[in-house]
Amino acid sequence: MKIIAFGGSNSQHSINKRLATYASSLFENAEVEVLDLNDFEMPIFSVDTEKEIGQHELAKAFLAKIESADVLVVSLAENNNNYSTAFKNIFDWSSRINKEVFQKKPMLLMATSPGTRGGASVLEIARNALPRYGAEIKASFSLPAFNANFDLEKNQISNAELDKELRDIIKDCF
C-alpha cells in the first residue's frame, strides 16, 4: 500500500505536516511519501495566467503524486477559518486539469492548530467541499492544542486518549 501524506501548509515548521507524517507512520505495511507543498509552488491561480502559460507542470506533478497513492493522509492548516493559500492555490491549479483532484482515493482528513478547536472550521469546509473533487473521505480527525498534545522530540501525539482515537480510526477505517 502506498500512502501519499501532506500538510496543507507551506510553513517549513508545519504542525499539520508533522501530524500527517505521524498518522501515516501508523499504517502497517505501507510505503509512505510525505509531500512538501513548497515543491509545488506556482503563481497565484488566475484564468489570465492559465491562458498565458497553460496547465502548470507542477500541478500535473501534484496530480501524478495523488494518482500514485492507494491512500491519502491529509492534514489541513487553518488560516482565517479556511484553507491555507498554499494548499488552495495547488488545489485550484490542479482542479483545472482534473476536476477529480483526489481521484477517488481513500482519504484520512485531519487538521491541527495551536488552539483548542484543532482546525475545526477548515475540517468542516473540507468535509463538505473535497468530495466534490474526488475525495473519498473515510475518516476525519482533529488534534486540538497541538503544542500541548504533540511531542516534537518524539514526533508523536503525547495525549494518550487522542493517540488512541487516531490509531482506532486508522485500524477501523483503513
C-alpha atoms as a PDB file:
ATOM      1  CA  MET A   1       0.000   0.000   0.000  1.00  0.00           C
ATOM      2  CA  LYS A   2       1.344   3.422  -0.934  1.00  0.00           C
ATOM      3  CA  ILE A   3       0.401   6.428   1.163  1.00  0.00           C
ATOM      4  CA  ILE A   4       0.801   9.993  -0.001  1.00  0.00           C
ATOM      5  CA  ALA A   5       0.721  12.325   3.009  1.00  0.00           C
ATOM      6  CA  PHE A   6       0.939  16.081   3.268  1.00  0.00           C
ATOM      7  CA  GLY A   7       0.164  19.008   5.481  1.00  0.00           C
ATOM      8  CA  GLY A   8      -1.864  21.748   3.853  1.00  0.00           C
ATOM      9  CA  SER A   9       0.704  24.424   4.645  1.00  0.00           C
ATOM     10  CA  ASN A  10       3.888  25.794   3.142  1.00  0.00           C
ATOM     11  CA  SER A  11       5.450  26.508   6.535  1.00  0.00           C
ATOM     12  CA  GLN A  12       8.861  24.913   6.962  1.00  0.00           C
ATOM     13  CA  HIS A  13       7.750  24.043  10.505  1.00  0.00           C
ATOM     14  CA  SER A  14       4.225  22.945   9.611  1.00  0.00           C
ATOM     15  CA  ILE A  15       2.451  21.279  12.504  1.00  0.00           C
ATOM     16  CA  ASN A  16      -0.011  19.801  10.011  1.00  0.00           C
ATOM     17  CA  LYS A  17       2.811  18.181   8.058  1.00  0.00           C
ATOM     18  CA  ARG A  18       4.077  16.728  11.351  1.00  0.00           C
ATOM     19  CA  LEU A  19       0.619  15.330  12.126  1.00  0.00           C
ATOM     20  CA  ALA A  20       0.228  13.879   8.613  1.00  0.00           C
ATOM     21  CA  THR A  21       3.690  12.309   8.834  1.00  0.00           C
ATOM     22  CA  TYR A  22       2.915  10.775  12.220  1.00  0.00           C
ATOM     23  CA  ALA A  23      -0.503   9.471  11.162  1.00  0.00           C
ATOM     24  CA  SER A  24       0.924   7.911   8.003  1.00  0.00           C
ATOM     25  CA  SER A  25       3.536   6.092  10.093  1.00  0.00           C
ATOM     26  CA  LEU A  26       0.726   4.268  11.913  1.00  0.00           C
ATOM     27  CA  PHE A  27      -0.375   2.355   8.811  1.00  0.00           C
ATOM     28  CA  GLU A  28       1.007  -1.171   8.715  1.00  0.00           C
ATOM     29  CA  ASN A  29       2.968  -2.445   5.720  1.00  0.00           C
ATOM     30  CA  ALA A  30       2.809   0.876   3.926  1.00  0.00           C
ATOM     31  CA  GLU A  31       5.227   2.780   1.753  1.00  0.00           C
ATOM     32  CA  VAL A  32       4.894   6.435   2.746  1.00  0.00           C
ATOM     33  CA  GLU A  33       5.791   9.519   0.740  1.00  0.00           C
ATOM     34  CA  VAL A  34       5.364  12.845   2.517  1.00  0.00           C
ATOM     35  CA  LEU A  35       4.918  15.774   0.161  1.00  0.00           C
ATOM     36  CA  ASP A  36       6.121  19.288   0.866  1.00  0.00           C
ATOM     37  CA  LEU A  37       3.780  21.894  -0.625  1.00  0.00           C
ATOM     38  CA  ASN A  38       6.800  24.123  -1.228  1.00  0.00           C
ATOM     39  CA  ASP A  39       7.767  21.710  -4.005  1.00  0.00           C
ATOM     40  CA  PHE A  40       4.547  22.705  -5.809  1.00  0.00           C
ATOM     41  CA  GLU A  41       4.784  26.490  -5.533  1.00  0.00           C
ATOM     42  CA  MET A  42       3.122  28.154  -8.516  1.00  0.00           C
ATOM     43  CA  PRO A  43       1.945  31.641  -9.390  1.00  0.00           C
ATOM     44  CA  ILE A  44      -1.371  32.578  -7.838  1.00  0.00           C
ATOM     45  CA  PHE A  45      -4.011  30.954  -9.996  1.00  0.00           C
ATOM     46  CA  SER A  46      -5.998  33.137 -12.357  1.00  0.00           C
ATOM     47  CA  VAL A  47      -7.657  32.366 -15.658  1.00  0.00           C
ATOM     48  CA  ASP A  48      -5.463  35.059 -17.220  1.00  0.00           C
ATOM     49  CA  THR A  49      -2.271  33.330 -16.048  1.00  0.00           C
ATOM     50  CA  GLU A  50      -3.632  29.966 -17.112  1.00  0.00           C
ATOM     51  CA  LYS A  51      -4.415  31.377 -20.555  1.00  0.00           C
ATOM     52  CA  GLU A  52      -0.872  32.754 -20.786  1.00  0.00           C
ATOM     53  CA  ILE A  53       1.103  29.708 -19.576  1.00  0.00           C
ATOM     54  CA  GLY A  54      -1.359  26.820 -19.871  1.00  0.00           C
ATOM     55  CA  GLN A  55      -1.586  23.943 -17.417  1.00  0.00           C
ATOM     56  CA  HIS A  56       1.209  24.288 -14.897  1.00  0.00           C
ATOM     57  CA  GLU A  57       3.723  21.438 -14.817  1.00  0.00           C
ATOM     58  CA  LEU A  58       3.786  21.433 -11.007  1.00  0.00           C
ATOM     59  CA  ALA A  59       0.022  20.924 -10.897  1.00  0.00           C
ATOM     60  CA  LYS A  60       0.474  17.963 -13.232  1.00  0.00           C
ATOM     61  CA  ALA A  61       3.200  16.631 -10.927  1.00  0.00           C
ATOM     62  CA  PHE A  62       0.932  17.021  -7.877  1.00  0.00           C
ATOM     63  CA  LEU A  63      -1.852  15.125  -9.640  1.00  0.00           C
ATOM     64  CA  ALA A  64       0.624  12.377 -10.580  1.00  0.00           C
ATOM     65  CA  LYS A  65       1.581  12.012  -6.897  1.00  0.00           C
ATOM     66  CA  ILE A  66      -2.100  11.685  -5.957  1.00  0.00           C
ATOM     67  CA  GLU A  67      -2.586   9.122  -8.728  1.00  0.00           C
ATOM     68  CA  SER A  68       0.302   7.037  -7.367  1.00  0.00           C
ATOM     69  CA  ALA A  69      -1.367   6.691  -3.949  1.00  0.00           C
ATOM     70  CA  ASP A  70      -3.548   3.961  -2.549  1.00  0.00           C
ATOM     71  CA  VAL A  71      -4.430   6.159   0.455  1.00  0.00           C
ATOM     72  CA  LEU A  72      -4.166   9.892   1.110  1.00  0.00           C
ATOM     73  CA  VAL A  73      -3.338  11.274   4.559  1.00  0.00           C
ATOM     74  CA  VAL A  74      -4.048  14.997   4.551  1.00  0.00           C
ATOM     75  CA  SER A  75      -3.841  17.407   7.472  1.00  0.00           C
ATOM     76  CA  LEU A  76      -5.081  20.868   6.557  1.00  0.00           C
ATOM     77  CA  ALA A  77      -3.765  24.047   8.082  1.00  0.00           C
ATOM     78  CA  GLU A  78      -6.379  26.602   9.009  1.00  0.00           C
ATOM     79  CA  ASN A  79      -5.803  30.222   8.087  1.00  0.00           C
ATOM     80  CA  ASN A  80      -8.604  32.618   8.978  1.00  0.00           C
ATOM     81  CA  ASN A  81     -11.085  29.715   9.265  1.00  0.00           C
ATOM     82  CA  ASN A  82     -10.255  28.379   5.796  1.00  0.00           C
ATOM     83  CA  TYR A  83      -7.618  26.567   3.717  1.00  0.00           C
ATOM     84  CA  SER A  84      -4.108  27.987   3.598  1.00  0.00           C
ATOM     85  CA  THR A  85      -3.314  29.924   0.445  1.00  0.00           C
ATOM     86  CA  ALA A  86      -0.579  27.422  -0.440  1.00  0.00           C
ATOM     87  CA  PHE A  87      -2.996  24.460  -0.421  1.00  0.00           C
ATOM     88  CA  LYS A  88      -5.790  26.385  -2.144  1.00  0.00           C
ATOM     89  CA  ASN A  89      -3.504  27.509  -4.960  1.00  0.00           C
ATOM     90  CA  ILE A  90      -2.289  23.965  -5.677  1.00  0.00           C
ATOM     91  CA  PHE A  91      -5.887  22.747  -5.474  1.00  0.00           C
ATOM     92  CA  ASP A  92      -7.064  25.479  -7.884  1.00  0.00           C
ATOM     93  CA  TRP A  93      -4.363  24.775 -10.489  1.00  0.00           C
ATOM     94  CA  SER A  94      -4.898  21.016 -10.202  1.00  0.00           C
ATOM     95  CA  SER A  95      -8.679  21.192 -10.470  1.00  0.00           C
ATOM     96  CA  ARG A  96      -8.357  22.939 -13.846  1.00  0.00           C
ATOM     97  CA  ILE A  97      -6.538  19.860 -15.163  1.00  0.00           C
ATOM     98  CA  ASN A  98      -8.642  17.207 -13.420  1.00  0.00           C
ATOM     99  CA  LYS A  99     -11.781  18.184 -11.501  1.00  0.00           C
ATOM    100  CA  GLU A 100     -11.372  14.912  -9.596  1.00  0.00           C
ATOM    101  CA  VAL A 101      -8.193  16.203  -7.927  1.00  0.00           C
ATOM    102  CA  PHE A 102      -8.210  13.463  -5.272  1.00  0.00           C
ATOM    103  CA  GLN A 103      -9.061  10.752  -7.822  1.00  0.00           C
ATOM    104  CA  LYS A 104     -11.400   8.720  -5.595  1.00  0.00           C
ATOM    105  CA  LYS A 105      -8.539   7.748  -3.290  1.00  0.00           C
ATOM    106  CA  PRO A 106      -9.469   6.821   0.291  1.00  0.00           C
ATOM    107  CA  MET A 107      -8.546   9.774   2.495  1.00  0.00           C
ATOM    108  CA  LEU A 108      -7.841  10.332   6.160  1.00  0.00           C
ATOM    109  CA  LEU A 109      -8.655  14.019   6.555  1.00  0.00           C
ATOM    110  CA  MET A 110      -7.184  15.811   9.545  1.00  0.00           C
ATOM    111  CA  ALA A 111      -6.348  19.216  10.950  1.00  0.00           C
ATOM    112  CA  THR A 112      -4.494  20.602  13.908  1.00  0.00           C
ATOM    113  CA  SER A 113      -3.808  24.038  15.293  1.00  0.00           C
ATOM    114  CA  PRO A 114      -2.320  25.617  18.395  1.00  0.00           C
ATOM    115  CA  GLY A 115      -5.863  26.455  19.500  1.00  0.00           C
ATOM    116  CA  THR A 116      -8.408  24.258  21.228  1.00  0.00           C
ATOM    117  CA  ARG A 117     -10.632  23.898  18.151  1.00  0.00           C
ATOM    118  CA  GLY A 118      -7.919  21.978  16.272  1.00  0.00           C
ATOM    119  CA  GLY A 119      -8.756  23.365  12.831  1.00  0.00           C
ATOM    120  CA  ALA A 120     -12.466  22.577  13.167  1.00  0.00           C
ATOM    121  CA  SER A 121     -13.501  25.261  10.666  1.00  0.00           C
ATOM    122  CA  VAL A 122     -11.250  24.069   7.859  1.00  0.00           C
ATOM    123  CA  LEU A 123     -12.219  20.443   8.546  1.00  0.00           C
ATOM    124  CA  GLU A 124     -15.889  21.332   8.169  1.00  0.00           C
ATOM    125  CA  ILE A 125     -15.233  23.170   4.905  1.00  0.00           C
ATOM    126  CA  ALA A 126     -13.108  20.316   3.563  1.00  0.00           C
ATOM    127  CA  ARG A 127     -15.575  17.577   4.559  1.00  0.00           C
ATOM    128  CA  ASN A 128     -18.256  19.402   2.584  1.00  0.00           C
ATOM    129  CA  ALA A 129     -16.190  20.516  -0.422  1.00  0.00           C
ATOM    130  CA  LEU A 130     -13.487  17.934  -1.145  1.00  0.00           C
ATOM    131  CA  PRO A 131     -15.834  15.039  -2.033  1.00  0.00           C
ATOM    132  CA  ARG A 132     -16.998  17.137  -4.994  1.00  0.00           C
ATOM    133  CA  TYR A 133     -13.377  16.944  -6.168  1.00  0.00           C
ATOM    134  CA  GLY A 134     -12.885  13.202  -5.863  1.00  0.00           C
ATOM    135  CA  ALA A 135     -12.036  12.861  -2.160  1.00  0.00           C
ATOM    136  CA  GLU A 136     -13.284   9.625  -0.626  1.00  0.00           C
ATOM    137  CA  ILE A 137     -13.085  10.745   2.995  1.00  0.00           C
ATOM    138  CA  LYS A 138     -13.110   7.587   5.107  1.00  0.00           C
ATOM    139  CA  ALA A 139     -12.497   9.361   8.425  1.00  0.00           C
ATOM    140  CA  SER A 140     -11.504  12.672   9.907  1.00  0.00           C
ATOM    141  CA  PHE A 141      -9.522  13.627  12.979  1.00  0.00           C
ATOM    142  CA  SER A 142      -8.818  16.884  14.755  1.00  0.00           C
ATOM    143  CA  LEU A 143      -5.895  17.377  17.112  1.00  0.00           C
ATOM    144  CA  PRO A 144      -6.611  20.369  19.344  1.00  0.00           C
ATOM    145  CA  ALA A 145      -3.925  22.383  21.127  1.00  0.00           C
ATOM    146  CA  PHE A 146      -1.050  20.931  19.091  1.00  0.00           C
ATOM    147  CA  ASN A 147       1.680  22.221  21.400  1.00  0.00           C
ATOM    148  CA  ALA A 148       0.080  20.561  24.440  1.00  0.00           C
ATOM    149  CA  ASN A 149      -0.816  17.292  22.690  1.00  0.00           C
ATOM    150  CA  PHE A 150       2.123  16.545  20.382  1.00  0.00           C
ATOM    151  CA  ASP A 151       5.685  15.687  21.420  1.00  0.00           C
ATOM    152  CA  LEU A 152       8.008  17.392  18.920  1.00  0.00           C
ATOM    153  CA  GLU A 153      11.053  15.389  20.023  1.00  0.00           C
ATOM    154  CA  LYS A 154       9.340  12.011  19.629  1.00  0.00           C
ATOM    155  CA  ASN A 155       7.221  13.194  16.669  1.00  0.00           C
ATOM    156  CA  GLN A 156       4.062  11.663  18.053  1.00  0.00           C
ATOM    157  CA  ILE A 157       0.843  12.560  19.787  1.00  0.00           C
ATOM    158  CA  SER A 158       1.564  12.778  23.509  1.00  0.00           C
ATOM    159  CA  ASN A 159      -2.057  12.734  24.700  1.00  0.00           C
ATOM    160  CA  ALA A 160      -2.831   9.029  25.154  1.00  0.00           C
ATOM    161  CA  GLU A 161      -6.577   9.410  24.604  1.00  0.00           C
ATOM    162  CA  LEU A 162      -6.159  11.365  21.356  1.00  0.00           C
ATOM    163  CA  ASP A 163      -3.430   9.000  20.161  1.00  0.00           C
ATOM    164  CA  LYS A 164      -5.703   6.027  20.750  1.00  0.00           C
ATOM    165  CA  GLU A 165      -8.522   7.790  18.879  1.00  0.00           C
ATOM    166  CA  LEU A 166      -6.304   8.272  15.822  1.00  0.00           C
ATOM    167  CA  ARG A 167      -4.957   4.710  15.979  1.00  0.00           C
ATOM    168  CA  ASP A 168      -8.516   3.324  16.226  1.00  0.00           C
ATOM    169  CA  ILE A 169      -9.631   5.417  13.248  1.00  0.00           C
ATOM    170  CA  ILE A 170      -6.793   4.048  11.139  1.00  0.00           C
ATOM    171  CA  LYS A 171      -7.388   0.459  12.285  1.00  0.00           C
ATOM    172  CA  ASP A 172     -11.174   0.626  11.767  1.00  0.00           C
ATOM    173  CA  CYS A 173     -11.347   2.625   8.538  1.00  0.00           C
ATOM    174  CA  PHE A 174      -8.305   1.532   6.591  1.00  0.00           C
END
